[in-house]
Amino acid sequence: MHSSARPCPSPQPGNPALDPPAGEAVWHLPRHGRSVGRGRAALRAQAAAWGLPEDTAETAVLLVSELVTNAVRHSRVRGRRIEIRCELREGALRVEVSDAGDGVPAVRAAGADDESGRGLALVAALAADWGVLPRPHGIGKTVWFACRLPKPPPLPPLPPPVSGR
């Protein structure tokens, strides 16, 4: 599980230098419980705009919900925002959730009666890959996952050339 996170300024409409490139979307949300639903809605809408398969989109929405919930619950730095970054890559959708929390999340075994503790287990079970990176400027972390995208169907064969005679 290796990757590199890039810093990204907040997107500002009308400023192409700060808008994310095509195939990438970024949202900044407050560290508040309502951000979980907002993150789900934003990712669901973006997945639809990109034309992603419904099963891939719903898996990604579930997993982003878990990661944003963890960021809201465990990041204790006041005033810091949560960043969600989605990127279409060759054959995969990569989603990153960044926060200013210090801890490094780890999968844990939740008991049958536990009301929490299953989020990263879901990520590990449903994502093609996932990991944790320090943020580029030393404050907090980025938890990411990737969902495989199905290969597009092959193009039909070209018809034979028509003779000019």
N, C-alpha and C. Protein backbone atom coordinates (compact mmCIF):
# COMPACT_ATOMS: atom_id res chain seq x y z
N MET A 1 0.84 -1.17 0.00
CA MET A 1 0.00 0.00 0.00
C MET A 1 0.89 1.23 0.00
N HIS A 2 1.18 1.72 -1.15
CA HIS A 2 2.01 2.91 -1.24
C HIS A 2 1.38 3.89 -2.20
N SER A 3 1.62 5.11 -1.93
CA SER A 3 1.07 6.16 -2.77
C SER A 3 1.67 7.47 -2.29
N SER A 4 1.32 8.53 -2.98
CA SER A 4 1.76 9.84 -2.52
C SER A 4 0.58 10.80 -2.60
N ALA A 5 0.37 11.50 -1.54
CA ALA A 5 -0.71 12.49 -1.51
C ALA A 5 -0.14 13.82 -1.98
N ARG A 6 -0.97 14.60 -2.66
CA ARG A 6 -0.53 15.91 -3.13
C ARG A 6 -1.33 16.98 -2.42
N PRO A 7 -0.69 18.08 -2.06
CA PRO A 7 -1.47 19.17 -1.50
C PRO A 7 -2.35 19.78 -2.58
N CYS A 8 -3.50 20.26 -2.20
CA CYS A 8 -4.40 20.87 -3.18
C CYS A 8 -5.06 22.07 -2.55
N PRO A 9 -4.96 23.24 -3.16
CA PRO A 9 -5.68 24.39 -2.61
C PRO A 9 -7.18 24.17 -2.76
N SER A 10 -7.94 24.86 -1.96
CA SER A 10 -9.40 24.75 -2.06
C SER A 10 -9.84 25.21 -3.44
N PRO A 11 -10.69 24.40 -4.09
CA PRO A 11 -11.15 24.83 -5.41
C PRO A 11 -12.01 26.08 -5.30
N GLN A 12 -11.85 26.96 -6.25
CA GLN A 12 -12.64 28.18 -6.29
C GLN A 12 -13.21 28.31 -7.69
N PRO A 13 -14.54 28.29 -7.81
CA PRO A 13 -15.13 28.38 -9.14
C PRO A 13 -14.61 29.60 -9.90
N GLY A 14 -14.37 29.39 -11.17
CA GLY A 14 -13.93 30.50 -12.01
C GLY A 14 -12.44 30.71 -12.01
N ASN A 15 -11.70 29.97 -11.21
CA ASN A 15 -10.25 30.08 -11.18
C ASN A 15 -9.67 28.76 -11.66
N PRO A 16 -9.41 28.61 -12.98
CA PRO A 16 -8.96 27.33 -13.50
C PRO A 16 -7.67 26.84 -12.88
N ALA A 17 -6.85 27.73 -12.37
CA ALA A 17 -5.60 27.30 -11.75
C ALA A 17 -5.87 26.53 -10.47
N LEU A 18 -7.01 26.76 -9.83
CA LEU A 18 -7.31 26.08 -8.58
C LEU A 18 -8.38 25.00 -8.73
N ASP A 19 -9.04 24.91 -9.88
CA ASP A 19 -10.04 23.87 -10.09
C ASP A 19 -9.33 22.53 -10.25
N PRO A 20 -9.92 21.45 -9.69
CA PRO A 20 -9.29 20.14 -9.90
C PRO A 20 -9.34 19.76 -11.37
N PRO A 21 -8.38 18.95 -11.83
CA PRO A 21 -8.40 18.52 -13.22
C PRO A 21 -9.58 17.60 -13.49
N ALA A 22 -9.88 17.40 -14.77
CA ALA A 22 -10.95 16.46 -15.15
C ALA A 22 -10.61 15.10 -14.58
N GLY A 23 -11.63 14.37 -14.13
CA GLY A 23 -11.40 13.07 -13.53
C GLY A 23 -11.02 13.15 -12.07
N GLU A 24 -11.13 14.34 -11.49
CA GLU A 24 -10.81 14.53 -10.07
C GLU A 24 -11.83 15.47 -9.46
N ALA A 25 -12.22 15.20 -8.24
CA ALA A 25 -13.15 16.06 -7.51
C ALA A 25 -12.67 16.19 -6.07
N VAL A 26 -12.81 17.38 -5.50
CA VAL A 26 -12.36 17.65 -4.14
C VAL A 26 -13.45 18.41 -3.41
N TRP A 27 -13.73 17.99 -2.17
CA TRP A 27 -14.68 18.69 -1.31
C TRP A 27 -14.04 18.91 0.05
N HIS A 28 -14.28 20.08 0.63
CA HIS A 28 -13.82 20.41 1.97
C HIS A 28 -15.06 20.57 2.85
N LEU A 29 -15.09 19.81 3.93
CA LEU A 29 -16.25 19.78 4.82
C LEU A 29 -15.83 20.07 6.25
N PRO A 30 -16.72 20.67 7.06
CA PRO A 30 -16.39 20.88 8.47
C PRO A 30 -16.35 19.55 9.21
N ARG A 31 -15.63 19.53 10.30
CA ARG A 31 -15.58 18.33 11.15
C ARG A 31 -16.86 18.30 11.98
N HIS A 32 -17.93 17.85 11.34
CA HIS A 32 -19.26 17.84 11.95
C HIS A 32 -19.99 16.60 11.46
N GLY A 33 -20.87 16.05 12.29
CA GLY A 33 -21.60 14.86 11.94
C GLY A 33 -22.38 14.95 10.63
N ARG A 34 -22.88 16.14 10.30
CA ARG A 34 -23.63 16.31 9.04
C ARG A 34 -22.75 16.13 7.81
N SER A 35 -21.45 16.24 7.99
CA SER A 35 -20.54 16.10 6.86
C SER A 35 -20.52 14.68 6.31
N VAL A 36 -20.89 13.70 7.12
CA VAL A 36 -20.92 12.32 6.64
C VAL A 36 -21.94 12.21 5.50
N GLY A 37 -23.15 12.68 5.73
CA GLY A 37 -24.18 12.64 4.69
C GLY A 37 -23.84 13.51 3.50
N ARG A 38 -23.23 14.65 3.76
CA ARG A 38 -22.84 15.54 2.66
C ARG A 38 -21.76 14.91 1.79
N GLY A 39 -20.83 14.22 2.43
CA GLY A 39 -19.79 13.53 1.68
C GLY A 39 -20.36 12.40 0.84
N ARG A 40 -21.30 11.65 1.41
CA ARG A 40 -21.96 10.59 0.64
C ARG A 40 -22.68 11.17 -0.58
N ALA A 41 -23.45 12.24 -0.35
CA ALA A 41 -24.22 12.85 -1.45
C ALA A 41 -23.29 13.39 -2.53
N ALA A 42 -22.20 14.03 -2.14
CA ALA A 42 -21.27 14.59 -3.12
C ALA A 42 -20.63 13.48 -3.96
N LEU A 43 -20.21 12.41 -3.31
CA LEU A 43 -19.58 11.31 -4.05
C LEU A 43 -20.60 10.61 -4.95
N ARG A 44 -21.81 10.41 -4.45
CA ARG A 44 -22.86 9.77 -5.26
C ARG A 44 -23.13 10.60 -6.53
N ALA A 45 -23.25 11.92 -6.38
CA ALA A 45 -23.50 12.79 -7.53
C ALA A 45 -22.32 12.77 -8.50
N GLN A 46 -21.10 12.79 -7.97
CA GLN A 46 -19.93 12.79 -8.85
C GLN A 46 -19.82 11.47 -9.59
N ALA A 47 -20.08 10.36 -8.90
CA ALA A 47 -20.03 9.05 -9.55
C ALA A 47 -21.04 8.98 -10.69
N ALA A 48 -22.23 9.54 -10.47
CA ALA A 48 -23.24 9.57 -11.53
C ALA A 48 -22.77 10.43 -12.70
N ALA A 49 -22.17 11.58 -12.40
CA ALA A 49 -21.67 12.46 -13.46
C ALA A 49 -20.58 11.79 -14.28
N TRP A 50 -19.77 10.96 -13.63
CA TRP A 50 -18.72 10.23 -14.33
C TRP A 50 -19.25 8.97 -15.02
N GLY A 51 -20.49 8.61 -14.74
CA GLY A 51 -21.07 7.42 -15.34
C GLY A 51 -20.53 6.12 -14.78
N LEU A 52 -20.15 6.12 -13.50
CA LEU A 52 -19.61 4.90 -12.90
C LEU A 52 -20.71 3.87 -12.71
N PRO A 53 -20.37 2.59 -12.76
CA PRO A 53 -21.37 1.56 -12.50
C PRO A 53 -21.98 1.73 -11.11
N GLU A 54 -23.26 1.45 -10.99
CA GLU A 54 -23.97 1.67 -9.73
C GLU A 54 -23.36 0.89 -8.56
N ASP A 55 -22.96 -0.36 -8.79
CA ASP A 55 -22.40 -1.14 -7.68
C ASP A 55 -21.07 -0.56 -7.21
N THR A 56 -20.24 -0.08 -8.12
CA THR A 56 -18.98 0.57 -7.74
C THR A 56 -19.26 1.86 -6.98
N ALA A 57 -20.20 2.64 -7.48
CA ALA A 57 -20.54 3.91 -6.82
C ALA A 57 -21.07 3.67 -5.42
N GLU A 58 -21.96 2.71 -5.25
CA GLU A 58 -22.53 2.46 -3.92
C GLU A 58 -21.50 1.92 -2.94
N THR A 59 -20.57 1.10 -3.42
CA THR A 59 -19.48 0.64 -2.56
C THR A 59 -18.63 1.82 -2.12
N ALA A 60 -18.27 2.69 -3.06
CA ALA A 60 -17.46 3.87 -2.73
C ALA A 60 -18.19 4.79 -1.76
N VAL A 61 -19.50 4.97 -1.94
CA VAL A 61 -20.29 5.82 -1.05
C VAL A 61 -20.30 5.24 0.36
N LEU A 62 -20.48 3.93 0.48
CA LEU A 62 -20.44 3.29 1.80
C LEU A 62 -19.08 3.49 2.46
N LEU A 63 -18.02 3.28 1.71
CA LEU A 63 -16.68 3.39 2.28
C LEU A 63 -16.31 4.82 2.64
N VAL A 64 -16.70 5.79 1.81
CA VAL A 64 -16.41 7.19 2.16
C VAL A 64 -17.18 7.58 3.42
N SER A 65 -18.37 7.03 3.57
CA SER A 65 -19.16 7.29 4.78
C SER A 65 -18.41 6.82 6.02
N GLU A 66 -17.82 5.65 5.94
CA GLU A 66 -17.05 5.12 7.08
C GLU A 66 -15.83 5.98 7.38
N LEU A 67 -15.11 6.40 6.34
CA LEU A 67 -13.90 7.18 6.56
C LEU A 67 -14.21 8.59 7.07
N VAL A 68 -15.26 9.21 6.56
CA VAL A 68 -15.62 10.54 7.05
C VAL A 68 -16.14 10.43 8.49
N THR A 69 -16.88 9.39 8.81
CA THR A 69 -17.32 9.17 10.19
C THR A 69 -16.11 9.08 11.11
N ASN A 70 -15.09 8.31 10.70
CA ASN A 70 -13.87 8.21 11.51
C ASN A 70 -13.19 9.56 11.66
N ALA A 71 -13.13 10.33 10.59
CA ALA A 71 -12.49 11.65 10.66
C ALA A 71 -13.25 12.57 11.61
N VAL A 72 -14.57 12.52 11.57
CA VAL A 72 -15.38 13.36 12.47
C VAL A 72 -15.18 12.93 13.91
N ARG A 73 -15.19 11.64 14.17
CA ARG A 73 -15.11 11.12 15.55
C ARG A 73 -13.72 11.23 16.17
N HIS A 74 -12.69 11.01 15.37
CA HIS A 74 -11.36 10.84 15.96
C HIS A 74 -10.41 12.01 15.74
N SER A 75 -10.72 12.93 14.87
CA SER A 75 -9.87 14.10 14.67
C SER A 75 -10.28 15.14 15.71
N ARG A 76 -9.39 15.48 16.59
CA ARG A 76 -9.72 16.36 17.71
C ARG A 76 -9.26 17.80 17.53
N VAL A 77 -8.78 18.14 16.36
CA VAL A 77 -8.25 19.48 16.14
C VAL A 77 -9.39 20.40 15.72
N ARG A 78 -9.69 21.38 16.54
CA ARG A 78 -10.79 22.31 16.26
C ARG A 78 -10.47 23.18 15.05
N GLY A 79 -11.51 23.49 14.29
CA GLY A 79 -11.37 24.42 13.18
C GLY A 79 -10.79 23.82 11.92
N ARG A 80 -10.30 22.59 11.98
CA ARG A 80 -9.73 21.95 10.79
C ARG A 80 -10.83 21.27 10.00
N ARG A 81 -10.69 21.27 8.71
CA ARG A 81 -11.70 20.70 7.85
C ARG A 81 -11.28 19.30 7.38
N ILE A 82 -12.26 18.57 6.89
CA ILE A 82 -12.03 17.26 6.31
C ILE A 82 -12.02 17.44 4.80
N GLU A 83 -11.08 16.84 4.13
CA GLU A 83 -11.02 16.90 2.68
C GLU A 83 -11.33 15.53 2.11
N ILE A 84 -12.21 15.50 1.13
CA ILE A 84 -12.49 14.28 0.37
C ILE A 84 -12.01 14.55 -1.05
N ARG A 85 -11.19 13.66 -1.55
CA ARG A 85 -10.66 13.78 -2.91
C ARG A 85 -10.96 12.46 -3.64
N CYS A 86 -11.55 12.58 -4.81
CA CYS A 86 -11.86 11.41 -5.65
C CYS A 86 -11.13 11.59 -6.96
N GLU A 87 -10.59 10.48 -7.44
CA GLU A 87 -9.83 10.55 -8.68
C GLU A 87 -10.06 9.29 -9.49
N LEU A 88 -10.39 9.48 -10.76
CA LEU A 88 -10.46 8.35 -11.68
C LEU A 88 -9.05 8.08 -12.17
N ARG A 89 -8.62 6.85 -12.00
CA ARG A 89 -7.31 6.43 -12.48
C ARG A 89 -7.51 5.26 -13.42
N GLU A 90 -6.47 4.83 -14.04
CA GLU A 90 -6.55 3.69 -14.96
C GLU A 90 -7.16 2.49 -14.24
N GLY A 91 -8.41 2.20 -14.56
CA GLY A 91 -9.07 1.01 -14.02
C GLY A 91 -9.54 1.09 -12.58
N ALA A 92 -9.50 2.28 -11.97
CA ALA A 92 -9.89 2.37 -10.56
C ALA A 92 -10.42 3.76 -10.21
N LEU A 93 -11.23 3.78 -9.19
CA LEU A 93 -11.66 5.01 -8.53
C LEU A 93 -10.90 5.07 -7.22
N ARG A 94 -10.14 6.11 -7.01
CA ARG A 94 -9.41 6.29 -5.74
C ARG A 94 -10.09 7.41 -4.97
N VAL A 95 -10.34 7.16 -3.68
CA VAL A 95 -10.98 8.14 -2.81
C VAL A 95 -10.07 8.33 -1.60
N GLU A 96 -9.81 9.59 -1.26
CA GLU A 96 -8.98 9.93 -0.10
C GLU A 96 -9.80 10.78 0.86
N VAL A 97 -9.67 10.52 2.15
CA VAL A 97 -10.27 11.35 3.18
C VAL A 97 -9.14 11.80 4.09
N SER A 98 -8.93 13.11 4.18
CA SER A 98 -7.85 13.68 4.97
C SER A 98 -8.42 14.46 6.14
N ASP A 99 -7.75 14.35 7.29
CA ASP A 99 -8.14 15.12 8.47
C ASP A 99 -6.88 15.49 9.25
N ALA A 100 -7.05 16.29 10.27
CA ALA A 100 -5.92 16.77 11.05
C ALA A 100 -5.64 15.92 12.28
N GLY A 101 -6.27 14.76 12.40
CA GLY A 101 -6.06 13.89 13.55
C GLY A 101 -4.68 13.26 13.55
N ASP A 102 -4.19 12.96 14.76
CA ASP A 102 -2.85 12.40 14.91
C ASP A 102 -2.80 10.89 14.74
N GLY A 103 -3.83 10.20 15.20
CA GLY A 103 -3.79 8.74 15.24
C GLY A 103 -3.74 8.11 13.86
N VAL A 104 -3.15 6.92 13.83
CA VAL A 104 -3.13 6.13 12.61
C VAL A 104 -4.19 5.05 12.77
N PRO A 105 -5.21 5.06 11.93
CA PRO A 105 -6.27 4.07 12.08
C PRO A 105 -5.79 2.67 11.74
N ALA A 106 -6.39 1.69 12.40
CA ALA A 106 -6.08 0.29 12.15
C ALA A 106 -7.36 -0.52 12.22
N VAL A 107 -7.41 -1.58 11.44
CA VAL A 107 -8.56 -2.48 11.48
C VAL A 107 -8.58 -3.14 12.85
N ARG A 108 -9.75 -3.21 13.44
CA ARG A 108 -9.87 -3.90 14.73
C ARG A 108 -11.06 -4.85 14.67
N ALA A 109 -11.03 -5.82 15.54
CA ALA A 109 -12.13 -6.78 15.59
C ALA A 109 -13.19 -6.25 16.54
N ALA A 110 -14.35 -5.92 16.01
CA ALA A 110 -15.45 -5.44 16.84
C ALA A 110 -16.23 -6.64 17.35
N GLY A 111 -16.64 -6.55 18.61
CA GLY A 111 -17.45 -7.61 19.19
C GLY A 111 -18.87 -7.56 18.64
N ALA A 112 -19.60 -8.65 18.83
CA ALA A 112 -20.96 -8.76 18.32
C ALA A 112 -21.87 -7.66 18.87
N ASP A 113 -21.63 -7.20 20.09
CA ASP A 113 -22.48 -6.18 20.70
C ASP A 113 -21.93 -4.76 20.56
N ASP A 114 -20.74 -4.62 19.95
CA ASP A 114 -20.16 -3.29 19.78
C ASP A 114 -20.97 -2.49 18.77
N GLU A 115 -21.16 -1.19 19.05
CA GLU A 115 -21.90 -0.32 18.15
C GLU A 115 -21.00 0.41 17.16
N SER A 116 -19.71 0.23 17.28
CA SER A 116 -18.78 0.87 16.36
C SER A 116 -17.57 -0.04 16.21
N GLY A 117 -16.64 0.37 15.34
CA GLY A 117 -15.40 -0.37 15.19
C GLY A 117 -15.34 -1.26 13.96
N ARG A 118 -16.30 -1.13 13.06
CA ARG A 118 -16.31 -1.99 11.88
C ARG A 118 -15.94 -1.25 10.59
N GLY A 119 -15.75 0.06 10.67
CA GLY A 119 -15.54 0.86 9.46
C GLY A 119 -14.35 0.44 8.64
N LEU A 120 -13.18 0.33 9.26
CA LEU A 120 -11.99 -0.04 8.49
C LEU A 120 -12.04 -1.50 8.07
N ALA A 121 -12.73 -2.35 8.83
CA ALA A 121 -12.91 -3.74 8.40
C ALA A 121 -13.72 -3.78 7.11
N LEU A 122 -14.74 -2.92 7.00
CA LEU A 122 -15.50 -2.82 5.75
C LEU A 122 -14.61 -2.33 4.61
N VAL A 123 -13.81 -1.32 4.89
CA VAL A 123 -12.91 -0.78 3.86
C VAL A 123 -11.96 -1.89 3.39
N ALA A 124 -11.37 -2.61 4.34
CA ALA A 124 -10.43 -3.67 3.98
C ALA A 124 -11.11 -4.79 3.19
N ALA A 125 -12.37 -5.08 3.52
CA ALA A 125 -13.08 -6.17 2.85
C ALA A 125 -13.59 -5.79 1.46
N LEU A 126 -14.01 -4.53 1.28
CA LEU A 126 -14.69 -4.15 0.04
C LEU A 126 -13.81 -3.42 -0.97
N ALA A 127 -12.75 -2.78 -0.52
CA ALA A 127 -11.88 -2.03 -1.43
C ALA A 127 -10.86 -2.95 -2.07
N ALA A 128 -10.44 -2.61 -3.28
CA ALA A 128 -9.37 -3.36 -3.95
C ALA A 128 -8.04 -3.14 -3.23
N ASP A 129 -7.88 -1.97 -2.63
CA ASP A 129 -6.66 -1.61 -1.90
C ASP A 129 -6.99 -0.43 -1.01
N TRP A 130 -6.23 -0.22 0.04
CA TRP A 130 -6.42 0.93 0.90
C TRP A 130 -5.15 1.16 1.69
N GLY A 131 -5.05 2.34 2.29
CA GLY A 131 -3.87 2.64 3.10
C GLY A 131 -4.01 3.96 3.83
N VAL A 132 -2.95 4.29 4.55
CA VAL A 132 -2.89 5.52 5.34
C VAL A 132 -1.57 6.20 5.03
N LEU A 133 -1.64 7.51 4.80
CA LEU A 133 -0.45 8.32 4.51
C LEU A 133 -0.42 9.54 5.42
N PRO A 134 0.77 10.00 5.79
CA PRO A 134 0.81 11.30 6.47
C PRO A 134 0.46 12.39 5.48
N ARG A 135 -0.15 13.46 5.96
CA ARG A 135 -0.44 14.58 5.07
C ARG A 135 0.87 15.26 4.71
N PRO A 136 0.94 15.88 3.54
CA PRO A 136 2.21 16.42 3.05
C PRO A 136 2.82 17.49 3.95
N HIS A 137 2.01 18.22 4.70
CA HIS A 137 2.55 19.31 5.51
C HIS A 137 2.65 18.95 6.99
N GLY A 138 2.54 17.67 7.30
CA GLY A 138 2.82 17.20 8.65
C GLY A 138 1.69 17.27 9.64
N ILE A 139 0.50 17.74 9.26
CA ILE A 139 -0.60 17.80 10.20
C ILE A 139 -1.66 16.80 9.75
N GLY A 140 -1.81 15.73 10.49
CA GLY A 140 -2.87 14.78 10.19
C GLY A 140 -2.46 13.68 9.23
N LYS A 141 -3.49 13.08 8.62
CA LYS A 141 -3.30 11.90 7.79
C LYS A 141 -4.32 11.87 6.67
N THR A 142 -4.06 11.01 5.71
CA THR A 142 -4.98 10.72 4.63
C THR A 142 -5.22 9.22 4.62
N VAL A 143 -6.48 8.83 4.69
CA VAL A 143 -6.86 7.43 4.55
C VAL A 143 -7.48 7.31 3.17
N TRP A 144 -7.04 6.34 2.39
CA TRP A 144 -7.50 6.22 1.02
C TRP A 144 -7.94 4.79 0.72
N PHE A 145 -8.77 4.66 -0.29
CA PHE A 145 -9.12 3.34 -0.80
C PHE A 145 -9.30 3.43 -2.30
N ALA A 146 -9.22 2.29 -2.95
CA ALA A 146 -9.43 2.20 -4.39
C ALA A 146 -10.46 1.12 -4.67
N CYS A 147 -11.37 1.42 -5.57
CA CYS A 147 -12.36 0.46 -6.07
C CYS A 147 -12.04 0.21 -7.54
N ARG A 148 -11.95 -1.05 -7.90
CA ARG A 148 -11.70 -1.37 -9.31
C ARG A 148 -12.90 -0.99 -10.16
N LEU A 149 -12.62 -0.52 -11.33
CA LEU A 149 -13.67 -0.23 -12.31
C LEU A 149 -13.67 -1.34 -13.35
N PRO A 150 -14.86 -1.75 -13.77
CA PRO A 150 -14.88 -2.81 -14.79
C PRO A 150 -14.28 -2.30 -16.08
N LYS A 151 -13.68 -3.23 -16.80
CA LYS A 151 -13.13 -2.86 -18.10
C LYS A 151 -14.28 -2.57 -19.05
N PRO A 152 -14.13 -1.55 -19.88
CA PRO A 152 -15.19 -1.28 -20.86
C PRO A 152 -15.30 -2.46 -21.82
N PRO A 153 -16.48 -2.68 -22.36
CA PRO A 153 -16.61 -3.78 -23.31
C PRO A 153 -15.76 -3.52 -24.54
N PRO A 154 -15.29 -4.59 -25.18
CA PRO A 154 -14.48 -4.37 -26.38
C PRO A 154 -15.32 -3.77 -27.50
N LEU A 155 -14.68 -2.99 -28.32
CA LEU A 155 -15.37 -2.39 -29.45
C LEU A 155 -15.72 -3.48 -30.46
N PRO A 156 -16.85 -3.34 -31.13
CA PRO A 156 -17.18 -4.34 -32.16
C PRO A 156 -16.18 -4.25 -33.31
N PRO A 157 -16.00 -5.35 -34.01
CA PRO A 157 -15.04 -5.30 -35.14
C PRO A 157 -15.54 -4.35 -36.22
N LEU A 158 -14.60 -3.78 -36.91
CA LEU A 158 -14.94 -2.88 -38.01
C LEU A 158 -15.48 -3.70 -39.19
N PRO A 159 -16.44 -3.14 -39.92
CA PRO A 159 -16.93 -3.86 -41.09
C PRO A 159 -15.83 -3.95 -42.14
N PRO A 160 -15.91 -4.94 -43.02
CA PRO A 160 -14.88 -5.04 -44.06
C PRO A 160 -14.93 -3.83 -44.99
N PRO A 161 -13.82 -3.45 -45.56
CA PRO A 161 -13.82 -2.28 -46.47
C PRO A 161 -14.70 -2.57 -47.69
N VAL A 162 -15.32 -1.54 -48.18
CA VAL A 162 -16.18 -1.64 -49.36
C VAL A 162 -15.31 -1.39 -50.59
N SER A 163 -15.45 -2.23 -51.52
CA SER A 163 -14.69 -2.10 -52.76
C SER A 163 -15.22 -0.94 -53.58
N GLY A 164 -14.37 -0.21 -54.26
CA GLY A 164 -14.77 0.96 -55.04
C GLY A 164 -15.22 0.62 -56.44
N ARG A 165 -15.30 -0.58 -56.82
CA ARG A 165 -15.67 -0.94 -58.21
C ARG A 165 -17.12 -1.02 -58.39
